[in-house]
Amino acid sequence: MGDHLIITHIPSLVATLLNRERAKGSALTKEEVETIRDESPAEVLPPEQRAAVDARRGYDDIDPDRAWEDWQIARVELHSDDD
């Protein structure tokens, strides 16, 4: 196990953002996404443990360092499932 650690949101950041956007009833702003990211519970895990979390979830979470950009991509796909 190396020194590289990965911030891992639990529950996933993408699920949290989706739930918050649905509750709001409109698109989240960049500021809202960044605030939610910063206030959401997270753990720091080694890559092997992060991979196990992603495997249990069945998907990879968005990168917290690119939360806004990744959320813009993810939300299009996730909201298409609402139709």
Protein backbone atom coordinates (compact mmCIF):
# COMPACT_ATOMS: atom_id res chain seq x y z
CA MET A 1 0.00 0.00 0.00
CA GLY A 2 1.47 3.32 -1.12
CA ASP A 3 1.16 6.82 0.28
CA HIS A 4 -1.42 7.89 -2.31
CA LEU A 5 -4.81 8.44 -0.66
CA ILE A 6 -8.13 9.28 -2.28
CA ILE A 7 -10.93 11.41 -0.85
CA THR A 8 -14.02 9.20 -0.89
CA HIS A 9 -17.45 10.67 -0.21
CA ILE A 10 -19.82 8.40 1.67
CA PRO A 11 -22.53 8.47 0.44
CA SER A 12 -21.15 9.15 -3.02
CA LEU A 13 -20.87 12.76 -4.09
CA VAL A 14 -22.79 12.13 -7.30
CA ALA A 15 -25.72 10.60 -5.37
CA THR A 16 -25.71 13.48 -2.90
CA LEU A 17 -25.71 16.07 -5.69
CA LEU A 18 -28.50 14.26 -7.53
CA ASN A 19 -30.66 14.14 -4.41
CA ARG A 20 -30.02 17.80 -3.61
CA GLU A 21 -30.82 18.87 -7.18
CA ARG A 22 -34.05 16.86 -7.20
CA ALA A 23 -35.03 18.40 -3.85
CA LYS A 24 -34.27 21.88 -5.14
CA GLY A 25 -36.29 21.31 -8.31
CA SER A 26 -33.77 23.05 -10.54
CA ALA A 27 -30.12 22.83 -11.54
CA LEU A 28 -27.52 23.38 -8.85
CA THR A 29 -25.17 26.31 -9.28
CA LYS A 30 -21.40 25.92 -9.26
CA GLU A 31 -21.33 27.48 -5.79
CA GLU A 32 -23.97 25.03 -4.52
CA VAL A 33 -22.08 22.04 -5.94
CA GLU A 34 -18.84 23.18 -4.33
CA THR A 35 -20.54 23.87 -0.98
CA ILE A 36 -22.22 20.45 -1.00
CA ARG A 37 -18.89 18.83 -1.87
CA ASP A 38 -17.12 20.65 0.94
CA GLU A 39 -19.80 19.85 3.53
CA SER A 40 -20.43 16.19 2.58
CA PRO A 41 -18.93 13.44 4.73
CA ALA A 42 -15.83 11.86 3.28
CA GLU A 43 -13.04 9.50 4.21
CA VAL A 44 -9.50 9.30 2.92
CA LEU A 45 -8.82 5.81 1.58
CA PRO A 46 -5.96 4.02 -0.12
CA PRO A 47 -6.64 3.10 -3.76
CA GLU A 48 -7.41 -0.55 -2.96
CA GLN A 49 -10.15 0.40 -0.50
CA ARG A 50 -11.52 3.07 -2.83
CA ALA A 51 -11.75 0.47 -5.60
CA ALA A 52 -13.69 -1.81 -3.26
CA VAL A 53 -16.12 1.01 -2.41
CA ASP A 54 -16.66 1.74 -6.12
CA ALA A 55 -17.19 -1.98 -6.81
CA ARG A 56 -19.85 -2.20 -4.07
CA ARG A 57 -21.58 0.89 -5.43
CA GLY A 58 -21.44 -0.37 -9.00
CA TYR A 59 -20.09 2.94 -10.32
CA ASP A 60 -17.20 5.38 -9.91
CA ASP A 61 -17.95 8.60 -8.05
CA ILE A 62 -17.13 11.97 -9.54
CA ASP A 63 -13.75 13.53 -8.76
CA PRO A 64 -14.15 16.05 -5.92
CA ASP A 65 -11.40 18.20 -7.45
CA ARG A 66 -13.52 18.43 -10.62
CA ALA A 67 -16.91 18.33 -8.91
CA TRP A 68 -18.54 21.04 -11.02
CA GLU A 69 -17.21 19.80 -14.36
CA ASP A 70 -17.90 16.13 -13.62
CA TRP A 71 -21.36 16.95 -12.26
CA GLN A 72 -22.29 18.71 -15.50
CA ILE A 73 -21.55 15.49 -17.38
CA ALA A 74 -23.14 13.11 -14.85
CA ARG A 75 -26.35 15.07 -14.39
CA VAL A 76 -27.24 14.87 -18.07
CA GLU A 77 -27.13 11.08 -17.96
CA LEU A 78 -28.81 10.82 -14.57
CA HIS A 79 -31.67 13.14 -15.48
CA SER A 80 -32.23 11.28 -18.76
CA ASP A 81 -33.11 8.30 -16.52
CA ASP A 82 -35.95 10.40 -15.05
CA ASP A 83 -37.78 10.48 -18.40
